[in-house]
Amino acid sequence: MDMKTPPKQRVGLLLDPVFERHDTGPSHPERAERLAYLRKKLAEQGFDSRFVKIGPVAADRKSLLSVHSGAYLYRLELACRAGDNYIDTPDSAICDESFKVAALAAGGVIKAADLVAGGELDSAFCAVRPPGHHAERDFSMGFCLLNNMALAAMRLKTEHGFKRIAIIDWDVHHGNGTQHAFEQDSGVLYVSLHQSPETLFPGSGYCTERGRGAGLGTTLNIPFPPGTQDEEYLAQFDRQALPVIENFAPEFILVSAGYDGHAGDPLASMSLSLGAYETITASTIALARRFSGGRLVGVLEGGYNLDVLAGSVSYFLKTLLGDETT
């Protein structure tokens, strides 16, 4: 083999129609069409044969209890079985299958982390719903039922023994649930780039939130004012996030990949382009290859413009495969 040719990447993809059975209602922005449209667009690009398919698997109770309380899990399952329309807040719409689907999403993300940690895959992307980074230990917020990202990070810590895990969250909304799960943990670095909490849900993610106790200094929040464009966004990633991540030298990188900071997204007020997401994706994957042996799992969070979502995820996947220069 030509030594200049990069080795073929074993990339896992979790994307299954079962996640479309989480029915949030016809007017809800976090709707099944997000994944149906993504599946269609990826199939049109011939991606089906290029990835290792990761099948959904339900997270077991032990895993769920590593992040969520038993009381919350009981309330969530009961509310779904009872046919309630939402749990804790009207934003968090549910149906009778939502607990099952959320458990499959969480378990699938954990499985992806297991496969990458065990060396069976080089990296993976999990296009699942419901999303997770707002879900707290005891309650749901912002469309999120189970915290997929926190559950995967906890699995990597407790079952695989990773000492330095970096979570990079570029959803336009601050990932309050993920931050709170690890804000006292020096072994998990949480970096979030999001719209200013003064102007957008969930109202957290101030730059003064830096972690607590043993975890002080391993939380980095980078809030942006409404209207922020690519140049400033990427400059702050380079200026603030990169040195912190490099100093942390993560053994594994997890990405909460949200695309609702795009100028065409209906739920926020930032003005990013697809180019910004391509650049931050390439930079993050390059970090994984530099520090983590390429070990990276991306997990879909927000993004409600279907074309932006499909284009951004497509670029992420191509970059994992090595199609794009990183």
C-alpha atoms as a PDB file:
ATOM      1  CA  MET A   1       0.000   0.000   0.000  1.00  0.00           C
ATOM      2  CA  ASP A   2       1.155   3.532  -0.738  1.00  0.00           C
ATOM      3  CA  MET A   3       2.311   4.875   2.637  1.00  0.00           C
ATOM      4  CA  LYS A   4       0.864   8.284   1.743  1.00  0.00           C
ATOM      5  CA  THR A   5      -2.628   6.842   1.398  1.00  0.00           C
ATOM      6  CA  PRO A   6      -4.511   7.009   4.715  1.00  0.00           C
ATOM      7  CA  PRO A   7      -5.866   3.668   5.933  1.00  0.00           C
ATOM      8  CA  LYS A   8      -9.513   2.950   5.278  1.00  0.00           C
ATOM      9  CA  GLN A   9     -11.584   4.135   8.208  1.00  0.00           C
ATOM     10  CA  ARG A  10     -14.030   1.783   9.929  1.00  0.00           C
ATOM     11  CA  VAL A  11     -16.840   4.210  10.656  1.00  0.00           C
ATOM     12  CA  GLY A  12     -20.051   3.183  12.366  1.00  0.00           C
ATOM     13  CA  LEU A  13     -23.415   4.778  11.629  1.00  0.00           C
ATOM     14  CA  LEU A  14     -26.491   4.537  13.825  1.00  0.00           C
ATOM     15  CA  LEU A  15     -29.507   5.698  11.807  1.00  0.00           C
ATOM     16  CA  ASP A  16     -32.679   3.637  12.017  1.00  0.00           C
ATOM     17  CA  PRO A  17     -36.371   4.224  11.243  1.00  0.00           C
ATOM     18  CA  VAL A  18     -37.257   3.121  14.784  1.00  0.00           C
ATOM     19  CA  PHE A  19     -36.262   6.583  16.038  1.00  0.00           C
ATOM     20  CA  GLU A  20     -39.047   8.078  13.934  1.00  0.00           C
ATOM     21  CA  ARG A  21     -41.617   6.324  16.142  1.00  0.00           C
ATOM     22  CA  HIS A  22     -41.084   8.989  18.811  1.00  0.00           C
ATOM     23  CA  ASP A  23     -44.138  11.047  17.821  1.00  0.00           C
ATOM     24  CA  THR A  24     -44.001  14.664  19.007  1.00  0.00           C
ATOM     25  CA  GLY A  25     -47.033  15.861  17.060  1.00  0.00           C
ATOM     26  CA  PRO A  26     -47.479  17.651  13.720  1.00  0.00           C
ATOM     27  CA  SER A  27     -46.314  21.122  14.770  1.00  0.00           C
ATOM     28  CA  HIS A  28     -43.316  20.187  16.920  1.00  0.00           C
ATOM     29  CA  PRO A  29     -39.909  21.220  15.508  1.00  0.00           C
ATOM     30  CA  GLU A  30     -38.184  18.070  16.817  1.00  0.00           C
ATOM     31  CA  ARG A  31     -40.155  15.803  14.509  1.00  0.00           C
ATOM     32  CA  ALA A  32     -39.686  12.429  12.849  1.00  0.00           C
ATOM     33  CA  GLU A  33     -39.151  14.048   9.449  1.00  0.00           C
ATOM     34  CA  ARG A  34     -35.715  15.181  10.599  1.00  0.00           C
ATOM     35  CA  LEU A  35     -34.372  11.641  10.422  1.00  0.00           C
ATOM     36  CA  ALA A  36     -36.587  10.463   7.550  1.00  0.00           C
ATOM     37  CA  TYR A  37     -35.201  13.276   5.388  1.00  0.00           C
ATOM     38  CA  LEU A  38     -31.642  12.574   6.535  1.00  0.00           C
ATOM     39  CA  ARG A  39     -31.980   8.878   5.680  1.00  0.00           C
ATOM     40  CA  LYS A  40     -33.265   9.766   2.227  1.00  0.00           C
ATOM     41  CA  LYS A  41     -30.443  12.208   1.491  1.00  0.00           C
ATOM     42  CA  LEU A  42     -27.701   9.873   2.720  1.00  0.00           C
ATOM     43  CA  ALA A  43     -29.132   7.036   0.621  1.00  0.00           C
ATOM     44  CA  GLU A  44     -29.081   9.293  -2.448  1.00  0.00           C
ATOM     45  CA  GLN A  45     -25.352   9.840  -1.844  1.00  0.00           C
ATOM     46  CA  GLY A  46     -24.685   6.096  -1.720  1.00  0.00           C
ATOM     47  CA  PHE A  47     -23.519   6.083   1.876  1.00  0.00           C
ATOM     48  CA  ASP A  48     -25.303   2.847   2.762  1.00  0.00           C
ATOM     49  CA  SER A  49     -22.432   0.520   1.865  1.00  0.00           C
ATOM     50  CA  ARG A  50     -19.642   2.659   3.282  1.00  0.00           C
ATOM     51  CA  PHE A  51     -20.462   2.426   6.968  1.00  0.00           C
ATOM     52  CA  VAL A  52     -20.651  -0.291   9.557  1.00  0.00           C
ATOM     53  CA  LYS A  53     -24.296  -0.341  10.559  1.00  0.00           C
ATOM     54  CA  ILE A  54     -24.899   0.015  14.283  1.00  0.00           C
ATOM     55  CA  GLY A  55     -28.273  -1.363  15.280  1.00  0.00           C
ATOM     56  CA  PRO A  56     -30.363   0.224  18.029  1.00  0.00           C
ATOM     57  CA  VAL A  57     -30.269  -1.597  21.343  1.00  0.00           C
ATOM     58  CA  ALA A  58     -32.120  -0.638  24.510  1.00  0.00           C
ATOM     59  CA  ALA A  59     -29.971   0.757  27.308  1.00  0.00           C
ATOM     60  CA  ASP A  60     -30.243  -1.393  30.419  1.00  0.00           C
ATOM     61  CA  ARG A  61     -31.424   0.023  33.717  1.00  0.00           C
ATOM     62  CA  LYS A  62     -27.939  -0.021  35.260  1.00  0.00           C
ATOM     63  CA  SER A  63     -26.631   2.186  32.484  1.00  0.00           C
ATOM     64  CA  LEU A  64     -29.549   4.601  32.711  1.00  0.00           C
ATOM     65  CA  LEU A  65     -29.099   4.886  36.487  1.00  0.00           C
ATOM     66  CA  SER A  66     -25.497   6.011  35.973  1.00  0.00           C
ATOM     67  CA  VAL A  67     -26.893   9.394  34.893  1.00  0.00           C
ATOM     68  CA  HIS A  68     -30.619   9.512  35.761  1.00  0.00           C
ATOM     69  CA  SER A  69     -32.475   8.882  38.996  1.00  0.00           C
ATOM     70  CA  GLY A  70     -34.741   5.891  39.389  1.00  0.00           C
ATOM     71  CA  ALA A  71     -37.606   8.206  40.265  1.00  0.00           C
ATOM     72  CA  TYR A  72     -37.272  10.087  36.973  1.00  0.00           C
ATOM     73  CA  LEU A  73     -37.049   6.914  34.903  1.00  0.00           C
ATOM     74  CA  TYR A  74     -40.207   5.638  36.610  1.00  0.00           C
ATOM     75  CA  ARG A  75     -42.048   8.922  35.940  1.00  0.00           C
ATOM     76  CA  LEU A  76     -40.968   8.963  32.303  1.00  0.00           C
ATOM     77  CA  GLU A  77     -41.960   5.386  31.592  1.00  0.00           C
ATOM     78  CA  LEU A  78     -45.272   5.808  33.406  1.00  0.00           C
ATOM     79  CA  ALA A  79     -46.106   9.026  31.530  1.00  0.00           C
ATOM     80  CA  CYS A  80     -45.474   7.324  28.179  1.00  0.00           C
ATOM     81  CA  ARG A  81     -47.542   4.281  29.078  1.00  0.00           C
ATOM     82  CA  ALA A  82     -50.365   6.539  30.249  1.00  0.00           C
ATOM     83  CA  GLY A  83     -50.452   8.332  26.910  1.00  0.00           C
ATOM     84  CA  ASP A  84     -49.464  11.741  28.320  1.00  0.00           C
ATOM     85  CA  ASN A  85     -48.657  14.409  25.765  1.00  0.00           C
ATOM     86  CA  TYR A  86     -45.482  15.626  27.485  1.00  0.00           C
ATOM     87  CA  ILE A  87     -43.214  15.105  30.477  1.00  0.00           C
ATOM     88  CA  ASP A  88     -42.188  17.975  32.813  1.00  0.00           C
ATOM     89  CA  THR A  89     -42.517  20.706  30.161  1.00  0.00           C
ATOM     90  CA  PRO A  90     -44.686  21.061  27.040  1.00  0.00           C
ATOM     91  CA  ASP A  91     -41.483  21.241  24.973  1.00  0.00           C
ATOM     92  CA  SER A  92     -40.735  17.622  25.871  1.00  0.00           C
ATOM     93  CA  ALA A  93     -43.498  15.970  23.881  1.00  0.00           C
ATOM     94  CA  ILE A  94     -43.986  12.218  24.238  1.00  0.00           C
ATOM     95  CA  CYS A  95     -46.139   9.381  22.925  1.00  0.00           C
ATOM     96  CA  ASP A  96     -46.753   5.851  24.131  1.00  0.00           C
ATOM     97  CA  GLU A  97     -43.537   4.616  22.464  1.00  0.00           C
ATOM     98  CA  SER A  98     -41.252   7.460  23.524  1.00  0.00           C
ATOM     99  CA  PHE A  99     -39.635   5.730  26.498  1.00  0.00           C
ATOM    100  CA  LYS A 100     -38.809   2.673  24.389  1.00  0.00           C
ATOM    101  CA  VAL A 101     -37.428   4.786  21.564  1.00  0.00           C
ATOM    102  CA  ALA A 102     -35.392   6.966  23.936  1.00  0.00           C
ATOM    103  CA  ALA A 103     -33.915   3.845  25.557  1.00  0.00           C
ATOM    104  CA  LEU A 104     -32.983   2.524  22.095  1.00  0.00           C
ATOM    105  CA  ALA A 105     -31.331   5.830  21.218  1.00  0.00           C
ATOM    106  CA  ALA A 106     -29.364   5.903  24.474  1.00  0.00           C
ATOM    107  CA  GLY A 107     -28.396   2.261  24.181  1.00  0.00           C
ATOM    108  CA  GLY A 108     -27.327   2.705  20.576  1.00  0.00           C
ATOM    109  CA  VAL A 109     -25.057   5.621  21.486  1.00  0.00           C
ATOM    110  CA  ILE A 110     -23.565   3.588  24.345  1.00  0.00           C
ATOM    111  CA  LYS A 111     -23.022   0.692  21.925  1.00  0.00           C
ATOM    112  CA  ALA A 112     -21.245   3.011  19.486  1.00  0.00           C
ATOM    113  CA  ALA A 113     -18.954   4.179  22.291  1.00  0.00           C
ATOM    114  CA  ASP A 114     -18.287   0.548  23.242  1.00  0.00           C
ATOM    115  CA  LEU A 115     -17.354  -0.388  19.662  1.00  0.00           C
ATOM    116  CA  VAL A 116     -14.972   2.537  19.254  1.00  0.00           C
ATOM    117  CA  ALA A 117     -13.464   2.045  22.704  1.00  0.00           C
ATOM    118  CA  GLY A 118     -12.912  -1.639  21.975  1.00  0.00           C
ATOM    119  CA  GLY A 119     -11.207  -0.956  18.658  1.00  0.00           C
ATOM    120  CA  GLU A 120     -13.895  -2.582  16.502  1.00  0.00           C
ATOM    121  CA  LEU A 121     -14.592   0.823  14.936  1.00  0.00           C
ATOM    122  CA  ASP A 122     -12.358   3.853  14.451  1.00  0.00           C
ATOM    123  CA  SER A 123     -15.212   6.312  14.950  1.00  0.00           C
ATOM    124  CA  ALA A 124     -18.981   6.572  14.702  1.00  0.00           C
ATOM    125  CA  PHE A 125     -21.903   8.924  14.207  1.00  0.00           C
ATOM    126  CA  CYS A 126     -25.267   8.407  15.876  1.00  0.00           C
ATOM    127  CA  ALA A 127     -28.234  10.108  14.197  1.00  0.00           C
ATOM    128  CA  VAL A 128     -30.807   9.468  16.890  1.00  0.00           C
ATOM    129  CA  ARG A 129     -33.825  11.095  18.415  1.00  0.00           C
ATOM    130  CA  PRO A 130     -35.029  12.191  20.870  1.00  0.00           C
ATOM    131  CA  PRO A 131     -31.943  14.343  21.469  1.00  0.00           C
ATOM    132  CA  GLY A 132     -30.363  14.360  24.894  1.00  0.00           C
ATOM    133  CA  HIS A 133     -28.080  17.146  26.090  1.00  0.00           C
ATOM    134  CA  HIS A 134     -30.755  19.096  28.011  1.00  0.00           C
ATOM    135  CA  ALA A 135     -31.962  16.063  29.995  1.00  0.00           C
ATOM    136  CA  GLU A 136     -31.095  16.423  33.667  1.00  0.00           C
ATOM    137  CA  ARG A 137     -30.730  13.710  36.276  1.00  0.00           C
ATOM    138  CA  ASP A 138     -34.281  14.175  37.565  1.00  0.00           C
ATOM    139  CA  PHE A 139     -36.246  15.872  34.806  1.00  0.00           C
ATOM    140  CA  SER A 140     -36.677  16.477  31.093  1.00  0.00           C
ATOM    141  CA  MET A 141     -36.007  19.750  29.293  1.00  0.00           C
ATOM    142  CA  GLY A 142     -35.920  21.053  25.736  1.00  0.00           C
ATOM    143  CA  PHE A 143     -37.114  18.018  23.741  1.00  0.00           C
ATOM    144  CA  CYS A 144     -34.649  15.754  25.604  1.00  0.00           C
ATOM    145  CA  LEU A 145     -35.700  12.658  27.569  1.00  0.00           C
ATOM    146  CA  LEU A 146     -32.472  10.725  28.259  1.00  0.00           C
ATOM    147  CA  ASN A 147     -29.011  12.264  28.117  1.00  0.00           C
ATOM    148  CA  ASN A 148     -27.411  10.166  25.378  1.00  0.00           C
ATOM    149  CA  MET A 149     -24.101  12.014  25.564  1.00  0.00           C
ATOM    150  CA  ALA A 150     -23.717  11.813  29.339  1.00  0.00           C
ATOM    151  CA  LEU A 151     -24.614   8.118  29.291  1.00  0.00           C
ATOM    152  CA  ALA A 152     -21.932   7.391  26.686  1.00  0.00           C
ATOM    153  CA  ALA A 153     -19.310   9.376  28.594  1.00  0.00           C
ATOM    154  CA  MET A 154     -20.178   7.578  31.824  1.00  0.00           C
ATOM    155  CA  ARG A 155     -19.835   4.242  30.052  1.00  0.00           C
ATOM    156  CA  LEU A 156     -16.392   5.194  28.758  1.00  0.00           C
ATOM    157  CA  LYS A 157     -15.309   6.162  32.282  1.00  0.00           C
ATOM    158  CA  THR A 158     -16.713   3.269  34.252  1.00  0.00           C
ATOM    159  CA  GLU A 159     -16.484   0.323  31.844  1.00  0.00           C
ATOM    160  CA  HIS A 160     -13.533   1.237  29.633  1.00  0.00           C
ATOM    161  CA  GLY A 161     -11.386   3.181  32.077  1.00  0.00           C
ATOM    162  CA  PHE A 162     -10.784   6.327  30.053  1.00  0.00           C
ATOM    163  CA  LYS A 163      -9.326   9.043  32.277  1.00  0.00           C
ATOM    164  CA  ARG A 164      -9.681  12.059  29.953  1.00  0.00           C
ATOM    165  CA  ILE A 165     -12.864  12.386  27.889  1.00  0.00           C
ATOM    166  CA  ALA A 166     -13.666  15.600  26.023  1.00  0.00           C
ATOM    167  CA  ILE A 167     -17.245  16.513  25.114  1.00  0.00           C
ATOM    168  CA  ILE A 168     -17.530  19.219  22.469  1.00  0.00           C
ATOM    169  CA  ASP A 169     -21.057  20.602  22.136  1.00  0.00           C
ATOM    170  CA  TRP A 170     -21.786  22.967  19.254  1.00  0.00           C
ATOM    171  CA  ASP A 171     -25.582  22.942  19.459  1.00  0.00           C
ATOM    172  CA  VAL A 172     -26.856  26.530  19.576  1.00  0.00           C
ATOM    173  CA  HIS A 173     -28.517  25.793  22.943  1.00  0.00           C
ATOM    174  CA  HIS A 174     -26.305  25.180  25.971  1.00  0.00           C
ATOM    175  CA  GLY A 175     -26.177  21.526  27.029  1.00  0.00           C
ATOM    176  CA  ASN A 176     -27.166  22.075  30.641  1.00  0.00           C
ATOM    177  CA  GLY A 177     -27.796  18.406  31.410  1.00  0.00           C
ATOM    178  CA  THR A 178     -24.407  17.266  30.136  1.00  0.00           C
ATOM    179  CA  GLN A 179     -22.596  20.042  31.969  1.00  0.00           C
ATOM    180  CA  HIS A 180     -24.322  19.255  35.240  1.00  0.00           C
ATOM    181  CA  ALA A 181     -23.568  15.541  34.939  1.00  0.00           C
ATOM    182  CA  PHE A 182     -19.810  16.191  34.930  1.00  0.00           C
ATOM    183  CA  GLU A 183     -19.197  19.637  36.404  1.00  0.00           C
ATOM    184  CA  GLN A 184     -17.461  18.122  39.451  1.00  0.00           C
ATOM    185  CA  ASP A 185     -15.483  15.575  37.407  1.00  0.00           C
ATOM    186  CA  SER A 186     -11.914  16.503  36.444  1.00  0.00           C
ATOM    187  CA  GLY A 187     -11.782  13.601  33.986  1.00  0.00           C
ATOM    188  CA  VAL A 188     -14.450  14.974  31.647  1.00  0.00           C
ATOM    189  CA  LEU A 189     -13.867  18.238  29.792  1.00  0.00           C
ATOM    190  CA  TYR A 190     -17.090  19.884  28.639  1.00  0.00           C
ATOM    191  CA  VAL A 191     -16.771  22.585  25.960  1.00  0.00           C
ATOM    192  CA  SER A 192     -19.923  24.312  24.695  1.00  0.00           C
ATOM    193  CA  LEU A 193     -20.349  26.939  21.979  1.00  0.00           C
ATOM    194  CA  HIS A 194     -23.864  28.376  22.052  1.00  0.00           C
ATOM    195  CA  GLN A 195     -26.029  31.466  21.812  1.00  0.00           C
ATOM    196  CA  SER A 196     -25.926  33.731  24.852  1.00  0.00           C
ATOM    197  CA  PRO A 197     -28.062  32.485  27.777  1.00  0.00           C
ATOM    198  CA  GLU A 198     -29.543  35.983  28.127  1.00  0.00           C
ATOM    199  CA  THR A 199     -31.199  35.543  24.750  1.00  0.00           C
ATOM    200  CA  LEU A 200     -31.941  31.832  24.377  1.00  0.00           C
ATOM    201  CA  PHE A 201     -33.128  28.697  26.171  1.00  0.00           C
ATOM    202  CA  PRO A 202     -32.100  27.165  28.557  1.00  0.00           C
ATOM    203  CA  GLY A 203     -30.675  30.293  30.202  1.00  0.00           C
ATOM    204  CA  SER A 204     -27.444  28.616  31.320  1.00  0.00           C
ATOM    205  CA  GLY A 205     -23.949  28.412  29.917  1.00  0.00           C
ATOM    206  CA  TYR A 206     -22.391  31.646  31.140  1.00  0.00           C
ATOM    207  CA  CYS A 207     -18.632  31.886  30.767  1.00  0.00           C
ATOM    208  CA  THR A 208     -18.400  32.073  34.563  1.00  0.00           C
ATOM    209  CA  GLU A 209     -19.676  28.478  34.775  1.00  0.00           C
ATOM    210  CA  ARG A 210     -16.333  26.676  34.913  1.00  0.00           C
ATOM    211  CA  GLY A 211     -17.131  23.564  36.938  1.00  0.00           C
ATOM    212  CA  ARG A 212     -17.170  22.925  40.672  1.00  0.00           C
ATOM    213  CA  GLY A 213     -14.957  21.211  43.229  1.00  0.00           C
ATOM    214  CA  ALA A 214     -12.561  18.746  41.613  1.00  0.00           C
ATOM    215  CA  GLY A 215     -14.021  19.678  38.239  1.00  0.00           C
ATOM    216  CA  LEU A 216     -13.242  23.385  38.459  1.00  0.00           C
ATOM    217  CA  GLY A 217     -11.657  24.392  35.152  1.00  0.00           C
ATOM    218  CA  THR A 218     -12.964  21.455  33.112  1.00  0.00           C
ATOM    219  CA  THR A 219     -16.076  23.288  31.929  1.00  0.00           C
ATOM    220  CA  LEU A 220     -15.653  25.875  29.184  1.00  0.00           C
ATOM    221  CA  ASN A 221     -18.671  27.837  27.988  1.00  0.00           C
ATOM    222  CA  ILE A 222     -18.338  30.125  24.970  1.00  0.00           C
ATOM    223  CA  PRO A 223     -21.591  32.114  24.542  1.00  0.00           C
ATOM    224  CA  PHE A 224     -22.236  34.261  21.477  1.00  0.00           C
ATOM    225  CA  PRO A 225     -24.617  37.155  20.875  1.00  0.00           C
ATOM    226  CA  PRO A 226     -27.468  36.823  18.383  1.00  0.00           C
ATOM    227  CA  GLY A 227     -26.356  37.393  14.821  1.00  0.00           C
ATOM    228  CA  THR A 228     -22.874  35.926  15.275  1.00  0.00           C
ATOM    229  CA  GLN A 229     -21.357  34.939  11.938  1.00  0.00           C
ATOM    230  CA  ASP A 230     -18.728  32.405  10.906  1.00  0.00           C
ATOM    231  CA  GLU A 231     -15.596  34.479  11.363  1.00  0.00           C
ATOM    232  CA  GLU A 232     -16.167  35.324  15.036  1.00  0.00           C
ATOM    233  CA  TYR A 233     -17.532  31.889  15.882  1.00  0.00           C
ATOM    234  CA  LEU A 234     -14.545  30.057  14.438  1.00  0.00           C
ATOM    235  CA  ALA A 235     -12.093  32.589  15.855  1.00  0.00           C
ATOM    236  CA  GLN A 236     -13.371  31.939  19.365  1.00  0.00           C
ATOM    237  CA  PHE A 237     -13.187  28.188  18.830  1.00  0.00           C
ATOM    238  CA  ASP A 238      -9.538  28.576  17.823  1.00  0.00           C
ATOM    239  CA  ARG A 239      -8.747  31.129  20.536  1.00  0.00           C
ATOM    240  CA  GLN A 240     -10.556  29.596  23.487  1.00  0.00           C
ATOM    241  CA  ALA A 241     -11.517  25.987  22.857  1.00  0.00           C
ATOM    242  CA  LEU A 242      -8.498  24.629  21.001  1.00  0.00           C
ATOM    243  CA  PRO A 243      -5.865  25.463  23.656  1.00  0.00           C
ATOM    244  CA  VAL A 244      -8.023  23.994  26.422  1.00  0.00           C
ATOM    245  CA  ILE A 245      -8.697  20.777  24.505  1.00  0.00           C
ATOM    246  CA  GLU A 246      -5.043  20.439  23.513  1.00  0.00           C
ATOM    247  CA  ASN A 247      -3.905  20.960  27.096  1.00  0.00           C
ATOM    248  CA  PHE A 248      -6.424  18.362  28.302  1.00  0.00           C
ATOM    249  CA  ALA A 249      -5.117  15.851  25.706  1.00  0.00           C
ATOM    250  CA  PRO A 250      -8.308  13.767  25.548  1.00  0.00           C
ATOM    251  CA  GLU A 251      -8.168  10.008  25.137  1.00  0.00           C
ATOM    252  CA  PHE A 252     -11.649  10.012  23.607  1.00  0.00           C
ATOM    253  CA  ILE A 253     -13.760  12.779  22.027  1.00  0.00           C
ATOM    254  CA  LEU A 254     -17.548  12.928  22.050  1.00  0.00           C
ATOM    255  CA  VAL A 255     -19.415  15.513  19.966  1.00  0.00           C
ATOM    256  CA  SER A 256     -22.900  16.854  20.630  1.00  0.00           C
ATOM    257  CA  ALA A 257     -23.568  17.844  17.040  1.00  0.00           C
ATOM    258  CA  GLY A 258     -26.373  20.374  16.797  1.00  0.00           C
ATOM    259  CA  TYR A 259     -26.930  22.465  13.673  1.00  0.00           C
ATOM    260  CA  ASP A 260     -29.453  25.017  14.916  1.00  0.00           C
ATOM    261  CA  GLY A 261     -26.967  27.892  14.922  1.00  0.00           C
ATOM    262  CA  HIS A 262     -27.329  28.113  11.150  1.00  0.00           C
ATOM    263  CA  ALA A 263     -28.799  31.316   9.773  1.00  0.00           C
ATOM    264  CA  GLY A 264     -31.678  29.342   8.297  1.00  0.00           C
ATOM    265  CA  ASP A 265     -32.713  27.559  11.476  1.00  0.00           C
ATOM    266  CA  PRO A 266     -36.051  28.627  12.960  1.00  0.00           C
ATOM    267  CA  LEU A 267     -35.251  28.185  16.682  1.00  0.00           C
ATOM    268  CA  ALA A 268     -32.316  30.527  17.294  1.00  0.00           C
ATOM    269  CA  SER A 269     -30.789  33.808  16.167  1.00  0.00           C
ATOM    270  CA  MET A 270     -27.236  33.079  15.116  1.00  0.00           C
ATOM    271  CA  SER A 271     -26.073  33.467  11.527  1.00  0.00           C
ATOM    272  CA  LEU A 272     -23.692  30.607  10.820  1.00  0.00           C
ATOM    273  CA  SER A 273     -23.261  28.984   7.417  1.00  0.00           C
ATOM    274  CA  LEU A 274     -22.665  25.386   6.435  1.00  0.00           C
ATOM    275  CA  GLY A 275     -19.037  26.388   6.076  1.00  0.00           C
ATOM    276  CA  ALA A 276     -18.748  27.082   9.791  1.00  0.00           C
ATOM    277  CA  TYR A 277     -19.989  23.615  10.634  1.00  0.00           C
ATOM    278  CA  GLU A 278     -17.649  22.072   8.073  1.00  0.00           C
ATOM    279  CA  THR A 279     -14.676  23.890   9.581  1.00  0.00           C
ATOM    280  CA  ILE A 280     -15.449  23.029  13.200  1.00  0.00           C
ATOM    281  CA  THR A 281     -16.135  19.428  12.205  1.00  0.00           C
ATOM    282  CA  ALA A 282     -12.816  19.109  10.418  1.00  0.00           C
ATOM    283  CA  SER A 283     -10.973  20.728  13.344  1.00  0.00           C
ATOM    284  CA  THR A 284     -12.599  18.422  15.879  1.00  0.00           C
ATOM    285  CA  ILE A 285     -11.894  15.260  13.897  1.00  0.00           C
ATOM    286  CA  ALA A 286      -8.294  16.420  13.460  1.00  0.00           C
ATOM    287  CA  LEU A 287      -8.068  16.790  17.248  1.00  0.00           C
ATOM    288  CA  ALA A 288      -9.314  13.235  17.686  1.00  0.00           C
ATOM    289  CA  ARG A 289      -6.711  11.904  15.262  1.00  0.00           C
ATOM    290  CA  ARG A 290      -3.992  13.888  16.984  1.00  0.00           C
ATOM    291  CA  PHE A 291      -4.790  13.082  20.607  1.00  0.00           C
ATOM    292  CA  SER A 292      -7.249  10.190  20.771  1.00  0.00           C
ATOM    293  CA  GLY A 293      -6.090   7.763  18.141  1.00  0.00           C
ATOM    294  CA  GLY A 294      -9.081   8.911  16.086  1.00  0.00           C
ATOM    295  CA  ARG A 295     -11.527   7.728  18.754  1.00  0.00           C
ATOM    296  CA  LEU A 296     -14.601   9.908  18.319  1.00  0.00           C
ATOM    297  CA  VAL A 297     -18.366   9.459  18.512  1.00  0.00           C
ATOM    298  CA  GLY A 298     -20.680  12.173  17.208  1.00  0.00           C
ATOM    299  CA  VAL A 299     -24.275  12.301  18.430  1.00  0.00           C
ATOM    300  CA  LEU A 300     -27.020  14.342  16.798  1.00  0.00           C
ATOM    301  CA  GLU A 301     -28.681  16.984  18.962  1.00  0.00           C
ATOM    302  CA  GLY A 302     -30.620  19.887  17.395  1.00  0.00           C
ATOM    303  CA  GLY A 303     -30.988  21.279  13.896  1.00  0.00           C
ATOM    304  CA  TYR A 304     -34.423  21.934  12.436  1.00  0.00           C
ATOM    305  CA  ASN A 305     -33.740  23.123   8.888  1.00  0.00           C
ATOM    306  CA  LEU A 306     -33.813  19.792   7.072  1.00  0.00           C
ATOM    307  CA  ASP A 307     -31.426  20.714   4.262  1.00  0.00           C
ATOM    308  CA  VAL A 308     -28.883  22.199   6.679  1.00  0.00           C
ATOM    309  CA  LEU A 309     -29.147  19.123   8.871  1.00  0.00           C
ATOM    310  CA  ALA A 310     -28.614  16.727   5.969  1.00  0.00           C
ATOM    311  CA  GLY A 311     -25.737  18.733   4.525  1.00  0.00           C
ATOM    312  CA  SER A 312     -23.948  19.072   7.853  1.00  0.00           C
ATOM    313  CA  VAL A 313     -24.282  15.415   8.826  1.00  0.00           C
ATOM    314  CA  SER A 314     -23.159  14.376   5.343  1.00  0.00           C
ATOM    315  CA  TYR A 315     -19.989  16.444   5.716  1.00  0.00           C
ATOM    316  CA  PHE A 316     -19.345  14.981   9.195  1.00  0.00           C
ATOM    317  CA  LEU A 317     -19.631  11.462   7.779  1.00  0.00           C
ATOM    318  CA  LYS A 318     -17.432  12.194   4.757  1.00  0.00           C
ATOM    319  CA  THR A 319     -14.778  13.654   7.053  1.00  0.00           C
ATOM    320  CA  LEU A 320     -14.837  10.601   9.317  1.00  0.00           C
ATOM    321  CA  LEU A 321     -14.348   8.438   6.235  1.00  0.00           C
ATOM    322  CA  GLY A 322     -11.414  10.586   5.131  1.00  0.00           C
ATOM    323  CA  ASP A 323     -13.126  11.962   2.024  1.00  0.00           C
ATOM    324  CA  GLU A 324     -12.569  15.542   3.194  1.00  0.00           C
ATOM    325  CA  THR A 325      -9.207  17.039   4.086  1.00  0.00           C
ATOM    326  CA  THR A 326      -8.804  17.333   7.883  1.00  0.00           C
END
